[in-house]
Amino acid sequence: MQTRLCTLILICTQAFGLSVSCYSTGLKTLCRLPEVVAETSGVELTGNNEIWTINDSSGQNMLYLCDTLGNLVRSVLVNGAINEDWEELTQDASGNFYIGDIGNNENKRQNLRIYKIPSPVNTETQSVDAQTITFKYPDQTEFPPADDQLDFDCEAMIWFNHYLYLFSKNRSLPVRTNLYRIPDEPGDYVAEKIGSFASGGSDLEETSIYSYWITAADISPNGKQVALLSHDQVWVFYNFTGDDFFSGDYKTYDLSSSTQKESICFANNSTLYLTDEYWSFFDIGRNLYRLTISTPFSTSSADSLDNPKNEVLIYPNPFSQMLHVSGQNLSDYQLQLLNTKGELTQLFVPQNSEIDLQLASLPNGIYLLKFVNKNTGYSWVDKIIKQDKKAGY
């Protein structure tokens, strides 16, 4: 991709201790993803430990399912699709996936499209058939624009209430992202421009501009937060009205890491997963990360309290030595480890919002982790798998 040379400059700048201002937000590396997704450029979850991703430009027309140990679980071919520059992956309330073939580095494409496919979880076949949504921007009349205002690249897309929302990756100054809307049904559309957000300053050096180009987006399960990603920061918007996502408040999270991050997805209302592309020169990237955020809706909304399971994160799964469990109200629960016969094998009582279960001595196999609220008796069960790395369970 065209951005790689300047990204390399940025990484070198940081590696040799030149001027970089950042602070830690608790970004945690969960695993390195399989080699086959070296250019991971979109991510969606169908469960706590079901990580779907795609490769960007000139990759295969494939979806890849990984777990939080970094294992490749499954590959699914997308029939009737071409990967010219796949840049984003999202899903709707019915589980349909949308693959954004929307990369437009040179701003000259006239074949922008989004592929709609049924949920790959609901089929055991190795391929799915795609329907096509084509579109153009209402404010682009030249391909590329003669004045070199490269404002029609896009790598960020979400689904919300039967529409797809595109956040542009503008390259002109001052840096901003434009918000467009199109229906989520197959057809040919002119996108509707509905908003804009200034993400950066007006006088940026090449090594800092990557902090402001928008490379991915997602909306939280409760529909009340929208996250935008750049190479080294995340904006989380909330208190907005309808689909006017820029009308409310926002918080910015400095990731203290400037790799080529191009994927973001809510795991629950207070946890985000991110991925970055692989750089062989430095042997960095191709990682899955976890970021915990804090907004009024990510920690204390009625949606979170009514659905406590949605706020609990378990990883890695499968696991080999240790299983990490975290959640805003985890200390209210007793954790019961059961075998497949429902027999209690171990009992854990978290003292705060996270706990590491040391399970190295546990035999390989499938187990049940039962959560029981100590005050109300409310409970649910998650399936977990003990799998030593050499066992290939």
Protein backbone atom coordinates (compact mmCIF):
# COMPACT_ATOMS: atom_id res chain seq x y z
CA MET A 1 0.00 0.00 0.00
CA GLN A 2 1.09 3.58 -0.60
CA THR A 3 1.16 4.48 3.07
CA ARG A 4 3.79 1.92 4.00
CA LEU A 5 6.93 3.95 3.30
CA CYS A 6 5.81 6.78 5.56
CA THR A 7 4.63 4.34 8.19
CA LEU A 8 8.11 2.82 8.16
CA ILE A 9 9.54 6.29 8.77
CA LEU A 10 7.20 6.76 11.72
CA ILE A 11 8.14 3.43 13.28
CA CYS A 12 11.84 4.17 12.85
CA THR A 13 11.35 7.56 14.49
CA GLN A 14 9.85 5.93 17.56
CA ALA A 15 12.29 3.05 17.64
CA PHE A 16 15.27 5.40 17.91
CA GLY A 17 13.74 7.57 20.63
CA LEU A 18 13.00 10.71 18.62
CA SER A 19 10.19 13.09 19.52
CA VAL A 20 7.10 11.04 20.39
CA SER A 21 4.44 12.03 22.93
CA CYS A 22 2.17 9.28 24.25
CA TYR A 23 0.82 7.66 27.38
CA SER A 24 -0.29 4.14 28.20
CA THR A 25 -3.96 3.21 27.96
CA GLY A 26 -3.59 -0.43 28.92
CA LEU A 27 -3.50 -1.81 25.39
CA LYS A 28 -2.73 -5.53 25.78
CA THR A 29 -1.43 -7.95 23.18
CA LEU A 30 -3.47 -11.16 23.21
CA CYS A 31 -1.73 -13.16 20.48
CA ARG A 32 -0.06 -13.08 17.07
CA LEU A 33 -2.46 -14.02 14.30
CA PRO A 34 -1.72 -16.70 11.66
CA GLU A 35 0.65 -15.89 8.80
CA VAL A 36 -2.17 -16.16 6.28
CA VAL A 37 -3.68 -12.89 7.61
CA ALA A 38 -0.49 -10.82 7.41
CA GLU A 39 -2.51 -7.88 6.04
CA THR A 40 -5.48 -8.14 8.40
CA SER A 41 -7.72 -5.21 7.54
CA GLY A 42 -11.09 -5.89 9.15
CA VAL A 43 -12.30 -7.81 12.18
CA GLU A 44 -15.66 -9.06 13.50
CA LEU A 45 -16.61 -11.31 16.42
CA THR A 46 -19.28 -14.00 16.52
CA GLY A 47 -18.36 -14.99 20.07
CA ASN A 48 -15.81 -14.07 22.72
CA ASN A 49 -13.19 -16.20 21.00
CA GLU A 50 -14.35 -16.26 17.38
CA ILE A 51 -12.28 -13.68 15.50
CA TRP A 52 -13.14 -13.24 11.81
CA THR A 53 -10.78 -11.22 9.64
CA ILE A 54 -9.85 -10.45 6.03
CA ASN A 55 -6.76 -9.34 4.10
CA ASP A 56 -6.70 -6.10 2.15
CA SER A 57 -5.59 -5.23 -1.38
CA SER A 58 -4.95 -8.11 -3.77
CA GLY A 59 -5.52 -10.75 -1.09
CA GLN A 60 -7.74 -13.74 -1.69
CA ASN A 61 -11.53 -13.39 -1.52
CA MET A 62 -11.52 -15.26 1.78
CA LEU A 63 -12.79 -14.89 5.34
CA TYR A 64 -10.58 -16.30 8.08
CA LEU A 65 -11.73 -17.48 11.52
CA CYS A 66 -9.10 -17.37 14.29
CA ASP A 67 -9.19 -17.99 18.03
CA THR A 68 -7.57 -15.88 20.75
CA LEU A 69 -4.52 -18.15 20.81
CA GLY A 70 -3.75 -17.12 17.25
CA ASN A 71 -4.81 -20.41 15.64
CA LEU A 72 -6.45 -20.48 12.23
CA VAL A 73 -9.74 -22.32 12.78
CA ARG A 74 -11.46 -22.03 9.42
CA SER A 75 -11.25 -20.38 5.99
CA VAL A 76 -14.36 -19.48 3.98
CA LEU A 77 -14.33 -18.56 0.28
CA VAL A 78 -16.59 -15.66 -0.76
CA ASN A 79 -18.10 -16.59 -4.14
CA GLY A 80 -18.86 -13.82 -6.61
CA ALA A 81 -16.40 -11.40 -5.01
CA ILE A 82 -13.10 -9.82 -6.04
CA ASN A 83 -10.60 -8.47 -3.53
CA GLU A 84 -9.43 -5.30 -5.22
CA ASP A 85 -8.90 -3.55 -1.90
CA TRP A 86 -10.89 -5.05 0.97
CA GLU A 87 -10.58 -2.66 3.90
CA GLU A 88 -13.40 -3.32 6.38
CA LEU A 89 -15.67 -5.98 7.84
CA THR A 90 -18.91 -5.43 9.76
CA GLN A 91 -22.16 -7.29 10.51
CA ASP A 92 -25.82 -6.46 11.04
CA ALA A 93 -28.31 -7.46 13.74
CA SER A 94 -29.25 -10.61 11.78
CA GLY A 95 -25.64 -11.78 11.54
CA ASN A 96 -25.08 -10.91 7.87
CA PHE A 97 -21.51 -9.83 7.13
CA TYR A 98 -20.53 -6.87 4.95
CA ILE A 99 -17.09 -6.75 3.32
CA GLY A 100 -16.01 -3.29 2.24
CA ASP A 101 -14.10 -3.33 -1.06
CA ILE A 102 -13.74 0.40 -0.52
CA GLY A 103 -9.99 1.09 -0.50
CA ASN A 104 -9.27 3.94 -2.91
CA ASN A 105 -5.70 5.11 -2.30
CA GLU A 106 -5.38 7.01 -5.59
CA ASN A 107 -8.98 8.31 -5.48
CA LYS A 108 -9.63 7.06 -9.03
CA ARG A 109 -11.81 3.99 -8.49
CA GLN A 110 -15.28 3.99 -10.05
CA ASN A 111 -16.15 0.46 -8.96
CA LEU A 112 -16.50 0.83 -5.18
CA ARG A 113 -18.55 -1.99 -3.70
CA ILE A 114 -19.61 -3.80 -0.56
CA TYR A 115 -20.28 -7.53 -0.47
CA LYS A 116 -23.15 -8.79 1.67
CA ILE A 117 -22.97 -12.43 2.75
CA PRO A 118 -24.94 -14.60 5.19
CA SER A 119 -23.28 -15.28 8.53
CA PRO A 120 -20.46 -17.81 7.96
CA VAL A 121 -21.28 -19.24 11.39
CA ASN A 122 -24.59 -20.60 10.09
CA THR A 123 -23.10 -22.79 7.39
CA GLU A 124 -20.74 -25.75 7.47
CA THR A 125 -19.72 -25.30 3.83
CA GLN A 126 -16.36 -23.85 2.85
CA SER A 127 -17.87 -21.03 0.79
CA VAL A 128 -20.68 -18.47 0.82
CA ASP A 129 -22.32 -16.52 -2.00
CA ALA A 130 -22.08 -12.74 -2.06
CA GLN A 131 -24.57 -10.09 -3.06
CA THR A 132 -23.16 -6.76 -4.23
CA ILE A 133 -23.84 -3.18 -3.17
CA THR A 134 -22.22 -0.60 -5.48
CA PHE A 135 -22.00 3.12 -4.79
CA LYS A 136 -20.30 6.41 -5.58
CA TYR A 137 -19.67 9.55 -3.55
CA PRO A 138 -21.96 12.52 -4.26
CA ASP A 139 -19.12 15.04 -4.04
CA GLN A 140 -16.58 13.33 -6.32
CA THR A 141 -16.71 14.35 -9.98
CA GLU A 142 -13.10 13.72 -11.05
CA PHE A 143 -11.14 10.45 -10.81
CA PRO A 144 -8.73 11.38 -9.30
CA PRO A 145 -9.51 14.96 -8.29
CA ALA A 146 -7.43 17.43 -10.30
CA ASP A 147 -6.58 19.56 -7.28
CA ASP A 148 -4.95 16.60 -5.51
CA GLN A 149 -7.52 16.74 -2.69
CA LEU A 150 -7.51 13.01 -1.97
CA ASP A 151 -10.65 12.80 0.17
CA PHE A 152 -12.34 9.69 -1.23
CA ASP A 153 -10.33 6.82 0.22
CA CYS A 154 -12.16 4.78 2.87
CA GLU A 155 -11.19 2.01 5.29
CA ALA A 156 -13.90 2.34 7.97
CA MET A 157 -17.51 1.13 7.89
CA ILE A 158 -20.27 0.20 10.37
CA TRP A 159 -23.83 -1.11 10.15
CA PHE A 160 -26.62 0.67 12.06
CA ASN A 161 -30.41 0.43 11.67
CA HIS A 162 -30.45 -0.92 8.09
CA TYR A 163 -27.79 1.43 6.77
CA LEU A 164 -24.07 1.18 6.16
CA TYR A 165 -21.99 4.15 7.31
CA LEU A 166 -18.66 4.97 5.70
CA PHE A 167 -15.97 7.11 7.37
CA SER A 168 -13.54 8.48 4.79
CA LYS A 169 -9.76 8.51 5.07
CA ASN A 170 -9.07 12.04 3.85
CA ARG A 171 -5.51 12.97 2.89
CA SER A 172 -5.97 16.72 2.47
CA LEU A 173 -5.34 19.23 5.26
CA PRO A 174 -6.77 19.89 7.76
CA VAL A 175 -7.28 16.16 8.31
CA ARG A 176 -10.90 15.11 8.77
CA THR A 177 -13.22 12.18 8.10
CA ASN A 178 -16.45 12.55 6.16
CA LEU A 179 -19.46 10.39 7.06
CA TYR A 180 -21.61 8.85 4.31
CA ARG A 181 -24.69 6.61 4.43
CA ILE A 182 -26.05 3.99 2.02
CA PRO A 183 -28.77 1.30 2.35
CA ASP A 184 -27.70 -2.21 3.37
CA GLU A 185 -29.51 -3.98 0.50
CA PRO A 186 -27.96 -4.97 -2.87
CA GLY A 187 -28.25 -2.19 -5.42
CA ASP A 188 -26.46 0.77 -6.98
CA TYR A 189 -26.46 3.95 -4.88
CA VAL A 190 -25.20 7.49 -4.55
CA ALA A 191 -23.99 7.73 -0.96
CA GLU A 192 -25.54 10.44 1.21
CA LYS A 193 -23.07 12.71 3.00
CA ILE A 194 -24.36 13.36 6.52
CA GLY A 195 -21.47 14.63 8.64
CA SER A 196 -17.80 15.40 9.15
CA PHE A 197 -15.28 15.28 12.00
CA ALA A 198 -11.92 17.07 12.21
CA SER A 199 -9.55 14.39 13.49
CA GLY A 200 -6.26 16.31 13.29
CA GLY A 201 -4.46 19.59 12.77
CA SER A 202 -3.77 21.62 9.66
CA ASP A 203 0.04 21.48 9.62
CA LEU A 204 1.17 17.90 10.11
CA GLU A 205 4.47 16.23 9.25
CA GLU A 206 4.38 12.93 7.35
CA THR A 207 5.41 11.04 10.48
CA SER A 208 2.48 12.39 12.50
CA ILE A 209 -0.32 12.39 9.94
CA TYR A 210 -0.97 8.69 10.56
CA SER A 211 -2.30 9.61 13.98
CA TYR A 212 -5.33 11.21 12.29
CA TRP A 213 -6.18 9.10 9.22
CA ILE A 214 -9.20 6.91 10.04
CA THR A 215 -8.47 3.25 9.28
CA ALA A 216 -11.37 1.34 10.93
CA ALA A 217 -14.64 1.79 12.83
CA ASP A 218 -17.20 -0.12 14.88
CA ILE A 219 -20.38 0.48 16.90
CA SER A 220 -20.94 -1.01 20.36
CA PRO A 221 -23.52 -3.76 21.05
CA ASN A 222 -25.76 -1.25 22.85
CA GLY A 223 -25.64 1.06 19.80
CA LYS A 224 -24.54 4.00 21.95
CA GLN A 225 -20.82 4.23 21.16
CA VAL A 226 -18.91 4.51 17.89
CA ALA A 227 -15.16 3.88 17.81
CA LEU A 228 -12.82 5.23 15.13
CA LEU A 229 -9.23 3.99 14.81
CA SER A 230 -5.98 5.45 13.50
CA HIS A 231 -2.52 3.89 13.68
CA ASP A 232 -2.01 5.04 17.26
CA GLN A 233 -5.27 6.29 18.77
CA VAL A 234 -8.97 5.57 19.17
CA TRP A 235 -11.84 8.06 19.32
CA VAL A 236 -15.00 6.84 21.09
CA PHE A 237 -18.14 8.92 20.41
CA TYR A 238 -21.19 8.79 22.71
CA ASN A 239 -24.24 10.88 23.74
CA PHE A 240 -25.07 11.29 20.04
CA THR A 241 -28.58 11.52 18.60
CA GLY A 242 -29.76 8.99 16.00
CA ASP A 243 -27.04 8.49 13.42
CA ASP A 244 -25.52 11.93 13.93
CA PHE A 245 -22.51 10.21 15.50
CA PHE A 246 -20.46 13.41 15.79
CA SER A 247 -23.18 15.38 17.61
CA GLY A 248 -22.38 14.32 21.18
CA ASP A 249 -19.21 13.82 23.19
CA TYR A 250 -16.06 11.81 22.56
CA LYS A 251 -12.98 10.52 24.33
CA THR A 252 -9.59 9.90 22.76
CA TYR A 253 -7.39 6.95 23.75
CA ASP A 254 -3.67 7.14 22.95
CA LEU A 255 -2.51 3.58 22.18
CA SER A 256 1.20 4.31 22.80
CA SER A 257 1.94 2.17 19.76
CA SER A 258 2.19 3.30 16.12
CA THR A 259 1.85 0.16 14.06
CA GLN A 260 -0.35 -0.21 10.98
CA LYS A 261 -3.63 -0.77 12.80
CA GLU A 262 -6.55 -1.20 10.40
CA SER A 263 -9.16 -3.19 12.35
CA ILE A 264 -11.33 -2.52 15.40
CA CYS A 265 -14.34 -4.30 16.90
CA PHE A 266 -16.31 -4.11 20.14
CA ALA A 267 -16.11 -7.35 22.14
CA ASN A 268 -18.63 -5.83 24.56
CA ASN A 269 -19.67 -2.31 25.54
CA SER A 270 -16.40 -1.65 27.40
CA THR A 271 -13.85 -3.75 25.49
CA LEU A 272 -12.40 -3.37 22.01
CA TYR A 273 -10.33 -5.77 19.90
CA LEU A 274 -7.78 -4.33 17.44
CA THR A 275 -5.43 -5.86 14.88
CA ASP A 276 -2.46 -4.58 12.90
CA GLU A 277 -0.71 -5.58 9.70
CA TYR A 278 2.62 -7.43 9.70
CA TRP A 279 5.94 -5.71 9.06
CA SER A 280 8.61 -8.30 8.32
CA PHE A 281 11.50 -5.81 8.48
CA PHE A 282 10.88 -5.24 12.21
CA ASP A 283 8.99 -8.51 12.81
CA ILE A 284 6.11 -6.54 14.33
CA GLY A 285 2.36 -6.54 13.84
CA ARG A 286 -0.14 -9.23 12.86
CA ASN A 287 -1.31 -9.05 16.46
CA LEU A 288 -4.66 -9.15 18.20
CA TYR A 289 -4.96 -6.51 20.94
CA ARG A 290 -7.47 -5.73 23.69
CA LEU A 291 -8.36 -2.20 24.84
CA THR A 292 -10.67 -1.39 27.77
CA ILE A 293 -12.54 1.92 27.57
CA SER A 294 -14.60 3.95 29.99
CA THR A 295 -17.63 6.05 28.99
CA PRO A 296 -21.04 6.47 30.65
CA PHE A 297 -22.45 3.75 28.41
CA SER A 298 -19.56 1.29 28.56
CA THR A 299 -19.62 0.73 32.32
CA SER A 300 -22.97 1.55 33.86
CA SER A 301 -25.75 1.60 31.28
CA ALA A 302 -28.96 -0.35 31.78
CA ASP A 303 -28.01 -2.47 28.77
CA SER A 304 -24.87 -3.64 30.56
CA LEU A 305 -26.68 -4.41 33.81
CA ASP A 306 -29.50 -6.29 32.09
CA ASN A 307 -27.04 -8.41 30.11
CA PRO A 308 -24.09 -9.11 32.41
CA LYS A 309 -22.82 -11.90 30.16
CA ASN A 310 -22.13 -9.30 27.46
CA GLU A 311 -19.69 -7.54 29.79
CA VAL A 312 -17.53 -10.56 30.59
CA LEU A 313 -14.45 -11.31 28.50
CA ILE A 314 -12.75 -14.73 28.52
CA TYR A 315 -9.44 -15.37 26.75
CA PRO A 316 -7.59 -17.16 25.38
CA ASN A 317 -9.97 -19.91 24.39
CA PRO A 318 -8.69 -22.55 23.74
CA PHE A 319 -6.12 -22.06 26.53
CA SER A 320 -3.06 -24.02 27.59
CA GLN A 321 -1.88 -22.70 30.97
CA MET A 322 -4.00 -19.78 32.12
CA LEU A 323 -7.49 -18.44 31.43
CA HIS A 324 -8.11 -14.72 31.93
CA VAL A 325 -11.60 -13.56 32.92
CA SER A 326 -12.57 -9.89 33.26
CA GLY A 327 -15.78 -7.92 33.69
CA GLN A 328 -17.00 -4.73 35.33
CA ASN A 329 -18.96 -6.54 38.08
CA LEU A 330 -16.98 -9.78 38.16
CA SER A 331 -16.51 -9.65 41.95
CA ASP A 332 -20.27 -10.20 42.33
CA TYR A 333 -19.87 -13.69 40.86
CA GLN A 334 -18.63 -17.12 41.86
CA LEU A 335 -16.92 -19.03 39.05
CA GLN A 336 -17.53 -22.77 38.93
CA LEU A 337 -15.41 -24.98 36.68
CA LEU A 338 -17.43 -28.01 35.59
CA ASN A 339 -16.63 -31.05 33.47
CA THR A 340 -18.97 -32.08 30.66
CA LYS A 341 -20.97 -34.20 33.13
CA GLY A 342 -21.74 -31.07 35.11
CA GLU A 343 -19.51 -32.08 38.03
CA LEU A 344 -17.71 -29.31 39.94
CA THR A 345 -13.93 -29.54 39.58
CA GLN A 346 -12.74 -26.14 40.85
CA LEU A 347 -14.26 -23.03 42.42
CA PHE A 348 -13.01 -19.42 42.02
CA VAL A 349 -14.11 -16.24 43.82
CA PRO A 350 -12.85 -13.07 42.06
CA GLN A 351 -11.90 -10.18 44.35
CA ASN A 352 -12.06 -7.47 41.68
CA SER A 353 -12.86 -6.96 38.01
CA GLU A 354 -10.43 -9.57 36.67
CA ILE A 355 -8.93 -12.91 37.58
CA ASP A 356 -6.37 -15.29 36.09
CA LEU A 357 -7.37 -18.94 36.43
CA GLN A 358 -4.22 -21.07 36.66
CA LEU A 359 -5.24 -24.31 34.95
CA ALA A 360 -1.98 -25.81 33.69
CA SER A 361 -2.59 -29.13 35.49
CA LEU A 362 -6.04 -29.56 33.99
CA PRO A 363 -6.27 -32.44 31.46
CA ASN A 364 -6.97 -31.46 27.86
CA GLY A 365 -10.62 -31.39 26.97
CA ILE A 366 -13.87 -29.41 26.98
CA TYR A 367 -15.09 -27.79 30.20
CA LEU A 368 -17.89 -25.49 31.34
CA LEU A 369 -17.28 -22.27 33.23
CA LYS A 370 -20.40 -21.32 35.18
CA PHE A 371 -20.94 -17.79 36.48
CA VAL A 372 -23.24 -17.49 39.51
CA ASN A 373 -24.21 -14.11 40.98
CA LYS A 374 -23.67 -14.34 44.76
CA ASN A 375 -26.51 -11.89 45.45
CA THR A 376 -29.25 -12.80 42.96
CA GLY A 377 -28.41 -16.37 41.90
CA TYR A 378 -28.44 -15.35 38.22
CA SER A 379 -26.15 -17.65 36.23
CA TRP A 380 -24.91 -18.61 32.80
CA VAL A 381 -22.38 -21.05 31.33
CA ASP A 382 -19.56 -20.58 28.80
CA LYS A 383 -17.77 -23.46 27.06
CA ILE A 384 -13.96 -23.43 27.37
CA ILE A 385 -11.32 -25.74 25.90
CA LYS A 386 -8.04 -26.82 27.53
CA GLN A 387 -5.54 -27.47 24.77
CA ASP A 388 -1.80 -27.79 25.28
CA LYS A 389 0.01 -26.25 22.32
CA LYS A 390 1.56 -29.56 21.30
CA ALA A 391 -1.60 -31.58 21.77
CA GLY A 392 -3.52 -30.38 18.69
CA TYR A 393 -6.83 -31.11 20.39
